[in-house]
Amino acid sequence: MQCNMKCSFLVWPLVAWLVLAGSVQAQSAAFVDATKVVENSPQYEAVRQSLETEFTARDQDLVAKQRQLSKLEEKLLRDGDVMSPEELQRLEQDIRTRRRKLSHDKEIFREDFNLRRNDEFNKLRRQVAEVVREVGREEGIDLILSEGVVYASKKVDISDKVLDRLEAKFKAEGR
């Protein structure tokens, strides 16, 4: 009970000061839908296409290796009964070796892809954050919120301005 009284004596002057400060100086706030901006930016599509181009050949190689392994497994099922023990042992060993190698190659592929994707999208997120700051400075915005916002009206949503700026930068880079 004492803390409540003591705390209210400390809180009310702070609230009053904030109200007065807000009335003395106009402050503005805005909202940016970062997910919308990132996913609709031309940079996002360029990164996606770049990653696809970079990793398509490796992905196709893995698919081809999987097909070869499947053919060997089919051969084992189909012809295993009529093979000599040495041929059967060689084929089984070949299948095990290829299966291990394929599993290892897939894991390396996933790691490489995830590292590259994360690196590229982190660069894009930093670029979006910089453009948000630029728009905020130019528009005289005191506070820009993003994730965790429950509601933001259209008049404080600057997502489209940020997206337009990203598109202009993308074109200026000649992509």
C-alpha atoms as a PDB file:
ATOM      1  CA  MET A   1       0.000   0.000   0.000  1.00  0.00           C
ATOM      2  CA  GLN A   2       2.806   2.402   0.855  1.00  0.00           C
ATOM      3  CA  CYS A   3       4.573   1.622  -2.401  1.00  0.00           C
ATOM      4  CA  ASN A   4       1.435   2.455  -4.354  1.00  0.00           C
ATOM      5  CA  MET A   5       1.217   5.906  -2.769  1.00  0.00           C
ATOM      6  CA  LYS A   6       4.952   6.457  -3.050  1.00  0.00           C
ATOM      7  CA  CYS A   7       5.000   5.195  -6.653  1.00  0.00           C
ATOM      8  CA  SER A   8       2.073   7.398  -7.664  1.00  0.00           C
ATOM      9  CA  PHE A   9       3.917  10.467  -6.339  1.00  0.00           C
ATOM     10  CA  LEU A  10       6.776   9.561  -8.663  1.00  0.00           C
ATOM     11  CA  VAL A  11       4.705   8.507 -11.683  1.00  0.00           C
ATOM     12  CA  TRP A  12       2.235  11.421 -11.873  1.00  0.00           C
ATOM     13  CA  PRO A  13       4.904  14.117 -12.306  1.00  0.00           C
ATOM     14  CA  LEU A  14       6.446  11.998 -15.070  1.00  0.00           C
ATOM     15  CA  VAL A  15       3.078  11.599 -16.820  1.00  0.00           C
ATOM     16  CA  ALA A  16       2.400  15.332 -16.517  1.00  0.00           C
ATOM     17  CA  TRP A  17       5.825  16.149 -17.957  1.00  0.00           C
ATOM     18  CA  LEU A  18       5.229  13.793 -20.921  1.00  0.00           C
ATOM     19  CA  VAL A  19       1.833  15.379 -21.606  1.00  0.00           C
ATOM     20  CA  LEU A  20       3.311  18.877 -21.469  1.00  0.00           C
ATOM     21  CA  ALA A  21       6.290  17.895 -23.608  1.00  0.00           C
ATOM     22  CA  GLY A  22       3.930  16.390 -26.155  1.00  0.00           C
ATOM     23  CA  SER A  23       1.825  19.537 -26.314  1.00  0.00           C
ATOM     24  CA  VAL A  24       4.817  21.868 -26.545  1.00  0.00           C
ATOM     25  CA  GLN A  25       6.526  20.020 -29.353  1.00  0.00           C
ATOM     26  CA  ALA A  26       4.658  18.160 -32.095  1.00  0.00           C
ATOM     27  CA  GLN A  27       5.858  14.612 -32.285  1.00  0.00           C
ATOM     28  CA  SER A  28       5.049  12.103 -34.961  1.00  0.00           C
ATOM     29  CA  ALA A  29       5.103   8.375 -35.175  1.00  0.00           C
ATOM     30  CA  ALA A  30       4.896   6.027 -38.118  1.00  0.00           C
ATOM     31  CA  PHE A  31       4.650   2.330 -38.788  1.00  0.00           C
ATOM     32  CA  VAL A  32       6.502   0.148 -41.293  1.00  0.00           C
ATOM     33  CA  ASP A  33       5.355  -3.323 -42.249  1.00  0.00           C
ATOM     34  CA  ALA A  34       8.890  -4.685 -42.627  1.00  0.00           C
ATOM     35  CA  THR A  35       7.753  -8.058 -43.934  1.00  0.00           C
ATOM     36  CA  LYS A  36       5.675  -6.416 -46.674  1.00  0.00           C
ATOM     37  CA  VAL A  37       8.531  -4.093 -47.597  1.00  0.00           C
ATOM     38  CA  VAL A  38      11.125  -6.856 -47.759  1.00  0.00           C
ATOM     39  CA  GLU A  39       8.954  -9.357 -49.638  1.00  0.00           C
ATOM     40  CA  ASN A  40       7.673  -6.811 -52.172  1.00  0.00           C
ATOM     41  CA  SER A  41      10.993  -5.139 -52.860  1.00  0.00           C
ATOM     42  CA  PRO A  42      12.772  -5.772 -56.150  1.00  0.00           C
ATOM     43  CA  GLN A  43      15.885  -6.551 -54.100  1.00  0.00           C
ATOM     44  CA  TYR A  44      14.083  -9.526 -52.557  1.00  0.00           C
ATOM     45  CA  GLU A  45      13.253 -10.961 -55.966  1.00  0.00           C
ATOM     46  CA  ALA A  46      16.818 -10.327 -57.168  1.00  0.00           C
ATOM     47  CA  VAL A  47      18.238 -12.155 -54.146  1.00  0.00           C
ATOM     48  CA  ARG A  48      15.824 -15.035 -54.643  1.00  0.00           C
ATOM     49  CA  GLN A  49      16.762 -15.376 -58.316  1.00  0.00           C
ATOM     50  CA  SER A  50      20.466 -15.051 -57.553  1.00  0.00           C
ATOM     51  CA  LEU A  51      20.297 -17.847 -54.978  1.00  0.00           C
ATOM     52  CA  GLU A  52      18.297 -20.005 -57.358  1.00  0.00           C
ATOM     53  CA  THR A  53      20.864 -19.498 -60.102  1.00  0.00           C
ATOM     54  CA  GLU A  54      23.762 -20.128 -57.741  1.00  0.00           C
ATOM     55  CA  PHE A  55      22.363 -23.360 -56.307  1.00  0.00           C
ATOM     56  CA  THR A  56      20.412 -24.884 -59.211  1.00  0.00           C
ATOM     57  CA  ALA A  57      23.354 -26.837 -60.637  1.00  0.00           C
ATOM     58  CA  ARG A  58      24.202 -28.361 -57.254  1.00  0.00           C
ATOM     59  CA  ASP A  59      20.554 -29.208 -56.626  1.00  0.00           C
ATOM     60  CA  GLN A  60      20.266 -30.898 -60.016  1.00  0.00           C
ATOM     61  CA  ASP A  61      23.450 -32.859 -59.291  1.00  0.00           C
ATOM     62  CA  LEU A  62      21.943 -34.113 -56.020  1.00  0.00           C
ATOM     63  CA  VAL A  63      18.751 -35.116 -57.822  1.00  0.00           C
ATOM     64  CA  ALA A  64      20.791 -37.030 -60.421  1.00  0.00           C
ATOM     65  CA  LYS A  65      22.744 -38.816 -57.688  1.00  0.00           C
ATOM     66  CA  GLN A  66      19.475 -39.732 -55.960  1.00  0.00           C
ATOM     67  CA  ARG A  67      18.166 -41.208 -59.212  1.00  0.00           C
ATOM     68  CA  GLN A  68      21.362 -43.250 -59.669  1.00  0.00           C
ATOM     69  CA  LEU A  69      21.061 -44.553 -56.126  1.00  0.00           C
ATOM     70  CA  SER A  70      17.407 -45.457 -56.685  1.00  0.00           C
ATOM     71  CA  LYS A  71      18.330 -47.387 -59.836  1.00  0.00           C
ATOM     72  CA  LEU A  72      20.974 -49.344 -57.954  1.00  0.00           C
ATOM     73  CA  GLU A  73      18.498 -50.119 -55.166  1.00  0.00           C
ATOM     74  CA  GLU A  74      15.956 -51.302 -57.761  1.00  0.00           C
ATOM     75  CA  LYS A  75      18.638 -53.489 -59.361  1.00  0.00           C
ATOM     76  CA  LEU A  76      19.424 -54.995 -55.966  1.00  0.00           C
ATOM     77  CA  LEU A  77      15.762 -55.822 -55.384  1.00  0.00           C
ATOM     78  CA  ARG A  78      15.226 -57.124 -58.887  1.00  0.00           C
ATOM     79  CA  ASP A  79      18.491 -59.050 -59.452  1.00  0.00           C
ATOM     80  CA  GLY A  80      19.819 -59.671 -55.949  1.00  0.00           C
ATOM     81  CA  ASP A  81      18.610 -63.268 -55.876  1.00  0.00           C
ATOM     82  CA  VAL A  82      20.458 -64.217 -59.076  1.00  0.00           C
ATOM     83  CA  MET A  83      23.737 -62.404 -58.335  1.00  0.00           C
ATOM     84  CA  SER A  84      26.856 -64.091 -57.122  1.00  0.00           C
ATOM     85  CA  PRO A  85      27.725 -63.408 -53.475  1.00  0.00           C
ATOM     86  CA  GLU A  86      30.645 -61.200 -54.579  1.00  0.00           C
ATOM     87  CA  GLU A  87      28.481 -59.151 -56.961  1.00  0.00           C
ATOM     88  CA  LEU A  88      25.792 -58.814 -54.310  1.00  0.00           C
ATOM     89  CA  GLN A  89      28.327 -57.686 -51.712  1.00  0.00           C
ATOM     90  CA  ARG A  90      29.877 -55.165 -54.147  1.00  0.00           C
ATOM     91  CA  LEU A  91      26.460 -53.735 -55.063  1.00  0.00           C
ATOM     92  CA  GLU A  92      25.349 -53.483 -51.427  1.00  0.00           C
ATOM     93  CA  GLN A  93      28.635 -51.763 -50.529  1.00  0.00           C
ATOM     94  CA  ASP A  94      28.255 -49.386 -53.479  1.00  0.00           C
ATOM     95  CA  ILE A  95      24.711 -48.511 -52.386  1.00  0.00           C
ATOM     96  CA  ARG A  96      25.798 -47.877 -48.778  1.00  0.00           C
ATOM     97  CA  THR A  97      28.705 -45.712 -49.913  1.00  0.00           C
ATOM     98  CA  ARG A  98      26.546 -43.707 -52.312  1.00  0.00           C
ATOM     99  CA  ARG A  99      23.806 -43.302 -49.707  1.00  0.00           C
ATOM    100  CA  ARG A 100      26.296 -41.929 -47.156  1.00  0.00           C
ATOM    101  CA  LYS A 101      27.902 -39.635 -49.718  1.00  0.00           C
ATOM    102  CA  LEU A 102      24.514 -38.371 -50.910  1.00  0.00           C
ATOM    103  CA  SER A 103      23.363 -37.720 -47.358  1.00  0.00           C
ATOM    104  CA  HIS A 104      26.591 -35.839 -46.650  1.00  0.00           C
ATOM    105  CA  ASP A 105      26.316 -33.832 -49.887  1.00  0.00           C
ATOM    106  CA  LYS A 106      22.693 -32.915 -49.112  1.00  0.00           C
ATOM    107  CA  GLU A 107      23.666 -31.700 -45.657  1.00  0.00           C
ATOM    108  CA  ILE A 108      26.501 -29.567 -47.045  1.00  0.00           C
ATOM    109  CA  PHE A 109      24.137 -28.198 -49.691  1.00  0.00           C
ATOM    110  CA  ARG A 110      21.553 -27.232 -47.044  1.00  0.00           C
ATOM    111  CA  GLU A 111      24.195 -25.578 -44.874  1.00  0.00           C
ATOM    112  CA  ASP A 112      25.697 -23.652 -47.796  1.00  0.00           C
ATOM    113  CA  PHE A 113      22.289 -22.578 -49.040  1.00  0.00           C
ATOM    114  CA  ASN A 114      21.111 -21.481 -45.594  1.00  0.00           C
ATOM    115  CA  LEU A 115      24.312 -19.529 -44.942  1.00  0.00           C
ATOM    116  CA  ARG A 116      24.088 -17.730 -48.285  1.00  0.00           C
ATOM    117  CA  ARG A 117      20.357 -17.074 -47.923  1.00  0.00           C
ATOM    118  CA  ASN A 118      20.769 -15.707 -44.401  1.00  0.00           C
ATOM    119  CA  ASP A 119      23.709 -13.548 -45.475  1.00  0.00           C
ATOM    120  CA  GLU A 120      21.817 -12.085 -48.435  1.00  0.00           C
ATOM    121  CA  PHE A 121      18.591 -11.487 -46.538  1.00  0.00           C
ATOM    122  CA  ASN A 122      20.477  -9.914 -43.621  1.00  0.00           C
ATOM    123  CA  LYS A 123      22.016  -7.482 -46.123  1.00  0.00           C
ATOM    124  CA  LEU A 124      18.541  -6.750 -47.456  1.00  0.00           C
ATOM    125  CA  ARG A 125      17.152  -6.199 -43.948  1.00  0.00           C
ATOM    126  CA  ARG A 126      20.003  -3.762 -43.213  1.00  0.00           C
ATOM    127  CA  GLN A 127      19.248  -1.924 -46.460  1.00  0.00           C
ATOM    128  CA  VAL A 128      15.540  -1.717 -45.561  1.00  0.00           C
ATOM    129  CA  ALA A 129      16.418  -0.404 -42.095  1.00  0.00           C
ATOM    130  CA  GLU A 130      18.634   2.279 -43.635  1.00  0.00           C
ATOM    131  CA  VAL A 131      15.875   3.354 -46.037  1.00  0.00           C
ATOM    132  CA  VAL A 132      13.399   3.467 -43.144  1.00  0.00           C
ATOM    133  CA  ARG A 133      15.815   5.765 -41.274  1.00  0.00           C
ATOM    134  CA  GLU A 134      16.231   7.953 -44.392  1.00  0.00           C
ATOM    135  CA  VAL A 135      12.474   8.307 -44.839  1.00  0.00           C
ATOM    136  CA  GLY A 136      12.082   9.014 -41.124  1.00  0.00           C
ATOM    137  CA  ARG A 137      14.706  11.788 -41.188  1.00  0.00           C
ATOM    138  CA  GLU A 138      13.319  13.336 -44.372  1.00  0.00           C
ATOM    139  CA  GLU A 139       9.720  13.222 -43.161  1.00  0.00           C
ATOM    140  CA  GLY A 140      10.622  14.513 -39.685  1.00  0.00           C
ATOM    141  CA  ILE A 141       9.245  11.410 -37.996  1.00  0.00           C
ATOM    142  CA  ASP A 142      10.212  11.034 -34.352  1.00  0.00           C
ATOM    143  CA  LEU A 143       9.352   7.371 -33.936  1.00  0.00           C
ATOM    144  CA  ILE A 144       8.965   4.526 -36.411  1.00  0.00           C
ATOM    145  CA  LEU A 145       7.555   1.230 -35.183  1.00  0.00           C
ATOM    146  CA  SER A 146       7.604  -2.096 -36.951  1.00  0.00           C
ATOM    147  CA  GLU A 147       6.929  -5.552 -35.549  1.00  0.00           C
ATOM    148  CA  GLY A 148       4.711  -6.045 -32.555  1.00  0.00           C
ATOM    149  CA  VAL A 149       2.275  -3.291 -33.546  1.00  0.00           C
ATOM    150  CA  VAL A 150      -1.317  -4.284 -32.921  1.00  0.00           C
ATOM    151  CA  TYR A 151      -2.834  -1.506 -35.022  1.00  0.00           C
ATOM    152  CA  ALA A 152      -1.561   1.265 -37.275  1.00  0.00           C
ATOM    153  CA  SER A 153      -3.732   3.479 -39.428  1.00  0.00           C
ATOM    154  CA  LYS A 154      -2.944   4.079 -43.091  1.00  0.00           C
ATOM    155  CA  LYS A 155      -1.903   7.673 -42.394  1.00  0.00           C
ATOM    156  CA  VAL A 156       1.045   6.528 -40.243  1.00  0.00           C
ATOM    157  CA  ASP A 157       2.003   3.531 -42.422  1.00  0.00           C
ATOM    158  CA  ILE A 158       5.084   4.527 -44.430  1.00  0.00           C
ATOM    159  CA  SER A 159       5.671   1.037 -45.843  1.00  0.00           C
ATOM    160  CA  ASP A 160       4.794   2.110 -49.389  1.00  0.00           C
ATOM    161  CA  LYS A 161       7.179   5.104 -49.199  1.00  0.00           C
ATOM    162  CA  VAL A 162       9.977   2.806 -48.066  1.00  0.00           C
ATOM    163  CA  LEU A 163       9.127   0.329 -50.807  1.00  0.00           C
ATOM    164  CA  ASP A 164       9.141   3.105 -53.436  1.00  0.00           C
ATOM    165  CA  ARG A 165      12.563   4.236 -52.196  1.00  0.00           C
ATOM    166  CA  LEU A 166      13.921   0.669 -52.362  1.00  0.00           C
ATOM    167  CA  GLU A 167      12.628   0.330 -55.926  1.00  0.00           C
ATOM    168  CA  ALA A 168      14.337   3.603 -56.878  1.00  0.00           C
ATOM    169  CA  LYS A 169      17.611   2.443 -55.343  1.00  0.00           C
ATOM    170  CA  PHE A 170      17.306  -0.876 -57.149  1.00  0.00           C
ATOM    171  CA  LYS A 171      16.832   0.895 -60.501  1.00  0.00           C
ATOM    172  CA  ALA A 172      19.683   3.284 -59.721  1.00  0.00           C
ATOM    173  CA  GLU A 173      21.982   0.289 -59.166  1.00  0.00           C
ATOM    174  CA  GLY A 174      21.156  -0.790 -62.714  1.00  0.00           C
ATOM    175  CA  ARG A 175      19.626  -4.144 -61.887  1.00  0.00           C
END
